[in-house]
Amino acid sequence: MYQQYQRPSQFGGPPGTTVSTPALLGQVLGITGVGFVITAIAASFTASLHLPSMASFIAMIVGFGFLLAISGTRANPGLSLLMFYAFTACEGVGIGPVIAAYTQLDGPSVVVDAAATTAMGMIVLGAIAFLSSFDYRRLSGIGFGMLIGLVIVSLIGAFTHFFHPGVIAWATLAVFAVLTLVDFARIKNSGSGLGPVHLATSIYLDAINIFLALLQIFGGRSRDD
């Protein structure tokens, strides 16, 4: 039997209305999908303007502020949704120059391949989480530990070049694949106390990091050929 959660009035229906897991999944994917459209438009616009790297860095900092605001506005889902869309716009501005650089070096097909592979990968991971009898929420602690390790390795690699970028990209792929399973398992289990916006934020972050990792992997292969 599908799990149910209490739906806030901002997402339709009176407070306390129960929503099935498929409905929750639909809400999360709908919010995430709109967020990715906003990111794609912002990234395309930014790439065409050839903004300096400092502008992208500032956008990422501002976006991080919106990300914190999403957590701070949990009691107001409508405001959280607004903060989420503002965050996705900032992400688009932030990664626009990255996408433009890969397009210039490797051609637009690399970006398309990375985006398509990300979409297929998210579908597969979501299906695994929903169809498996194993509760992937049990891996949340492991996933968080892996994420902390990834951040440390990335910082070391950025300053010392001790780790090859391709290794970090594959590690990023592995870490966020685990976190994606955890996040879909939360949706499967009534959201684990989280609303649609916060679940969508997690899925969005998983997918954007997987996309950037695949972009680096595919770009590296293209230049090696």
Protein backbone atom coordinates (compact mmCIF):
# COMPACT_ATOMS: atom_id res chain seq x y z
CA MET A 1 0.00 0.00 0.00
CA TYR A 2 1.23 3.47 -0.84
CA GLN A 3 2.37 5.69 2.00
CA GLN A 4 0.63 9.01 2.63
CA TYR A 5 1.72 12.34 4.03
CA GLN A 6 -0.04 15.45 5.27
CA ARG A 7 -0.23 18.02 2.48
CA PRO A 8 0.18 21.74 3.30
CA SER A 9 -2.60 23.99 2.01
CA GLN A 10 -0.15 25.81 -0.32
CA PHE A 11 0.02 22.72 -2.54
CA GLY A 12 -3.69 22.22 -2.98
CA GLY A 13 -6.36 20.99 -0.67
CA PRO A 14 -6.97 21.88 2.95
CA PRO A 15 -4.31 21.34 5.60
CA GLY A 16 -4.18 17.76 6.78
CA THR A 17 -5.26 16.33 3.41
CA THR A 18 -3.52 13.04 2.79
CA VAL A 19 -1.59 12.58 -0.46
CA SER A 20 -0.43 9.25 -1.85
CA THR A 21 3.18 8.53 -2.66
CA PRO A 22 2.56 8.79 -6.44
CA ALA A 23 1.04 12.25 -5.90
CA LEU A 24 4.01 13.31 -3.78
CA LEU A 25 6.40 11.98 -6.43
CA GLY A 26 4.51 13.89 -9.10
CA GLN A 27 4.75 17.12 -7.11
CA VAL A 28 8.47 16.67 -6.49
CA LEU A 29 9.25 15.86 -10.12
CA GLY A 30 7.08 18.73 -11.32
CA ILE A 31 8.87 21.24 -9.10
CA THR A 32 12.26 19.80 -10.05
CA GLY A 33 11.40 19.88 -13.75
CA VAL A 34 10.46 23.56 -13.66
CA GLY A 35 13.68 24.23 -11.77
CA PHE A 36 15.74 22.58 -14.48
CA VAL A 37 13.96 24.59 -17.18
CA ILE A 38 14.84 27.77 -15.30
CA THR A 39 18.45 26.61 -14.93
CA ALA A 40 18.71 25.75 -18.63
CA ILE A 41 17.33 29.13 -19.70
CA ALA A 42 19.60 31.01 -17.29
CA ALA A 43 22.66 28.97 -18.35
CA SER A 44 21.95 29.51 -22.05
CA PHE A 45 21.45 33.25 -21.55
CA THR A 46 24.60 33.55 -19.45
CA ALA A 47 26.69 31.59 -21.94
CA SER A 48 25.59 33.87 -24.77
CA LEU A 49 26.62 36.97 -22.80
CA HIS A 50 30.14 35.65 -22.07
CA LEU A 51 30.01 36.99 -18.53
CA PRO A 52 33.27 37.09 -16.54
CA SER A 53 33.95 34.25 -14.14
CA MET A 54 33.52 36.62 -11.18
CA ALA A 55 29.86 37.17 -12.13
CA SER A 56 29.27 33.42 -12.10
CA PHE A 57 31.03 33.10 -8.75
CA ILE A 58 28.84 35.83 -7.26
CA ALA A 59 25.74 34.09 -8.65
CA MET A 60 26.79 30.85 -6.96
CA ILE A 61 27.27 32.65 -3.64
CA VAL A 62 23.84 34.29 -3.94
CA GLY A 63 22.38 30.92 -4.89
CA PHE A 64 23.85 29.37 -1.77
CA GLY A 65 22.03 32.04 0.23
CA PHE A 66 18.74 31.07 -1.43
CA LEU A 67 19.54 27.42 -0.67
CA LEU A 68 19.87 28.24 3.03
CA ALA A 69 16.64 30.24 2.81
CA ILE A 70 14.80 27.16 1.54
CA SER A 71 15.65 25.35 4.75
CA GLY A 72 14.77 28.39 6.83
CA THR A 73 11.31 28.77 5.30
CA ARG A 74 10.07 25.20 5.81
CA ALA A 75 6.98 26.51 7.61
CA ASN A 76 6.01 28.49 4.49
CA PRO A 77 6.09 26.12 1.46
CA GLY A 78 5.05 28.88 -0.94
CA LEU A 79 8.02 31.04 0.05
CA SER A 80 10.30 27.98 -0.05
CA LEU A 81 9.16 27.33 -3.61
CA LEU A 82 10.03 30.91 -4.58
CA MET A 83 13.45 30.54 -2.96
CA PHE A 84 13.97 27.27 -4.84
CA TYR A 85 13.28 28.82 -8.23
CA ALA A 86 15.56 31.75 -7.40
CA PHE A 87 18.24 29.24 -6.46
CA THR A 88 17.88 27.34 -9.75
CA ALA A 89 18.20 30.61 -11.68
CA CYS A 90 21.43 31.42 -9.84
CA GLU A 91 22.69 27.91 -10.56
CA GLY A 92 22.07 28.49 -14.25
CA VAL A 93 24.08 31.71 -14.17
CA GLY A 94 26.82 29.92 -12.25
CA ILE A 95 27.22 26.94 -14.57
CA GLY A 96 26.56 28.85 -17.79
CA PRO A 97 30.26 29.60 -18.44
CA VAL A 98 31.14 25.96 -17.67
CA ILE A 99 28.67 24.70 -20.25
CA ALA A 100 29.89 27.31 -22.74
CA ALA A 101 33.48 26.17 -22.23
CA TYR A 102 32.62 22.51 -22.84
CA THR A 103 30.55 23.45 -25.87
CA GLN A 104 33.46 25.39 -27.33
CA LEU A 105 36.03 22.66 -26.63
CA ASP A 106 34.02 19.51 -27.30
CA GLY A 107 30.93 20.63 -29.19
CA PRO A 108 27.29 20.85 -28.06
CA SER A 109 26.82 17.07 -28.36
CA VAL A 110 28.81 16.57 -25.14
CA VAL A 111 26.36 18.73 -23.20
CA VAL A 112 23.38 16.96 -24.78
CA ASP A 113 24.86 13.54 -24.01
CA ALA A 114 25.55 14.50 -20.39
CA ALA A 115 22.02 15.86 -19.95
CA ALA A 116 20.40 12.80 -21.55
CA THR A 117 22.52 10.39 -19.52
CA THR A 118 21.66 12.29 -16.34
CA ALA A 119 17.95 12.02 -17.10
CA MET A 120 18.18 8.31 -17.81
CA GLY A 121 20.32 7.74 -14.74
CA MET A 122 17.84 9.53 -12.48
CA ILE A 123 15.00 7.44 -13.90
CA VAL A 124 16.93 4.22 -13.29
CA LEU A 125 17.94 5.21 -9.75
CA GLY A 126 14.38 6.27 -8.94
CA ALA A 127 13.04 2.95 -10.24
CA ILE A 128 15.58 1.04 -8.15
CA ALA A 129 14.61 2.94 -5.00
CA PHE A 130 10.88 2.46 -5.57
CA LEU A 131 10.92 -1.15 -6.74
CA SER A 132 13.50 -2.50 -4.30
CA SER A 133 12.47 -3.91 -0.94
CA PHE A 134 15.61 -2.42 0.61
CA ASP A 135 15.15 0.90 2.38
CA TYR A 136 17.91 3.08 0.94
CA ARG A 137 17.39 5.63 3.68
CA ARG A 138 19.69 3.37 5.69
CA LEU A 139 22.52 4.61 3.48
CA SER A 140 21.97 8.27 4.37
CA GLY A 141 24.79 8.29 6.93
CA ILE A 142 27.16 6.56 4.53
CA GLY A 143 26.16 8.94 1.76
CA PHE A 144 26.77 11.98 3.95
CA GLY A 145 30.16 10.64 4.98
CA MET A 146 31.03 10.05 1.31
CA LEU A 147 29.96 13.61 0.52
CA ILE A 148 32.23 15.05 3.22
CA GLY A 149 35.09 12.94 1.87
CA LEU A 150 34.38 14.16 -1.65
CA VAL A 151 34.49 17.79 -0.54
CA ILE A 152 37.84 17.21 1.17
CA VAL A 153 39.28 15.40 -1.85
CA SER A 154 38.01 18.12 -4.18
CA LEU A 155 39.61 20.85 -2.08
CA ILE A 156 42.90 18.97 -2.00
CA GLY A 157 42.72 18.43 -5.74
CA ALA A 158 41.96 22.09 -6.39
CA PHE A 159 45.02 23.33 -4.52
CA THR A 160 47.54 20.55 -5.11
CA HIS A 161 46.39 18.77 -8.29
CA PHE A 162 47.15 15.55 -6.40
CA PHE A 163 43.96 13.91 -7.70
CA HIS A 164 43.19 13.69 -11.40
CA PRO A 165 39.98 15.60 -12.27
CA GLY A 166 38.58 12.47 -13.89
CA VAL A 167 38.92 10.57 -10.61
CA ILE A 168 37.04 13.29 -8.76
CA ALA A 169 34.34 13.27 -11.45
CA TRP A 170 33.81 9.52 -11.09
CA ALA A 171 33.80 9.86 -7.31
CA THR A 172 31.18 12.61 -7.59
CA LEU A 173 29.08 10.33 -9.77
CA ALA A 174 29.25 7.54 -7.20
CA VAL A 175 28.47 9.76 -4.21
CA PHE A 176 25.45 11.44 -5.76
CA ALA A 177 24.13 8.15 -7.13
CA VAL A 178 23.96 6.94 -3.51
CA LEU A 179 22.37 10.21 -2.36
CA THR A 180 19.81 9.98 -5.17
CA LEU A 181 18.77 6.52 -3.99
CA VAL A 182 18.40 7.92 -0.47
CA ASP A 183 16.29 10.86 -1.64
CA PHE A 184 13.96 8.74 -3.77
CA ALA A 185 13.58 6.36 -0.83
CA ARG A 186 12.45 9.32 1.27
CA ILE A 187 9.78 10.13 -1.29
CA LYS A 188 8.73 6.47 -1.31
CA ASN A 189 8.34 6.63 2.47
CA SER A 190 6.04 9.65 2.75
CA GLY A 191 8.85 12.18 2.35
CA SER A 192 10.35 11.29 5.75
CA GLY A 193 8.93 14.47 7.23
CA LEU A 194 9.99 16.71 4.33
CA GLY A 195 7.67 18.63 2.02
CA PRO A 196 7.71 18.60 -1.81
CA VAL A 197 9.94 21.67 -2.15
CA HIS A 198 12.66 20.34 0.13
CA LEU A 199 12.56 16.93 -1.51
CA ALA A 200 12.73 18.60 -4.93
CA THR A 201 15.73 20.61 -3.79
CA SER A 202 17.57 17.42 -2.85
CA ILE A 203 16.71 15.70 -6.15
CA TYR A 204 17.74 18.82 -8.07
CA LEU A 205 21.12 18.97 -6.32
CA ASP A 206 21.69 15.27 -6.97
CA ALA A 207 20.93 15.64 -10.67
CA ILE A 208 22.93 18.85 -11.23
CA ASN A 209 26.02 17.30 -9.64
CA ILE A 210 25.63 14.11 -11.67
CA PHE A 211 25.26 16.23 -14.82
CA LEU A 212 28.43 18.23 -14.11
CA ALA A 213 30.36 15.04 -13.34
CA LEU A 214 29.20 13.42 -16.58
CA LEU A 215 30.02 16.59 -18.48
CA GLN A 216 33.60 16.38 -17.24
CA ILE A 217 33.83 12.65 -17.98
CA PHE A 218 32.38 12.93 -21.49
CA GLY A 219 34.41 16.06 -22.22
CA GLY A 220 37.62 14.30 -21.18
CA ARG A 221 36.84 11.31 -23.39
CA SER A 222 36.10 13.60 -26.34
CA ARG A 223 39.49 15.29 -26.03
CA ASP A 224 41.27 11.93 -25.63
CA ASP A 225 39.79 10.55 -28.87
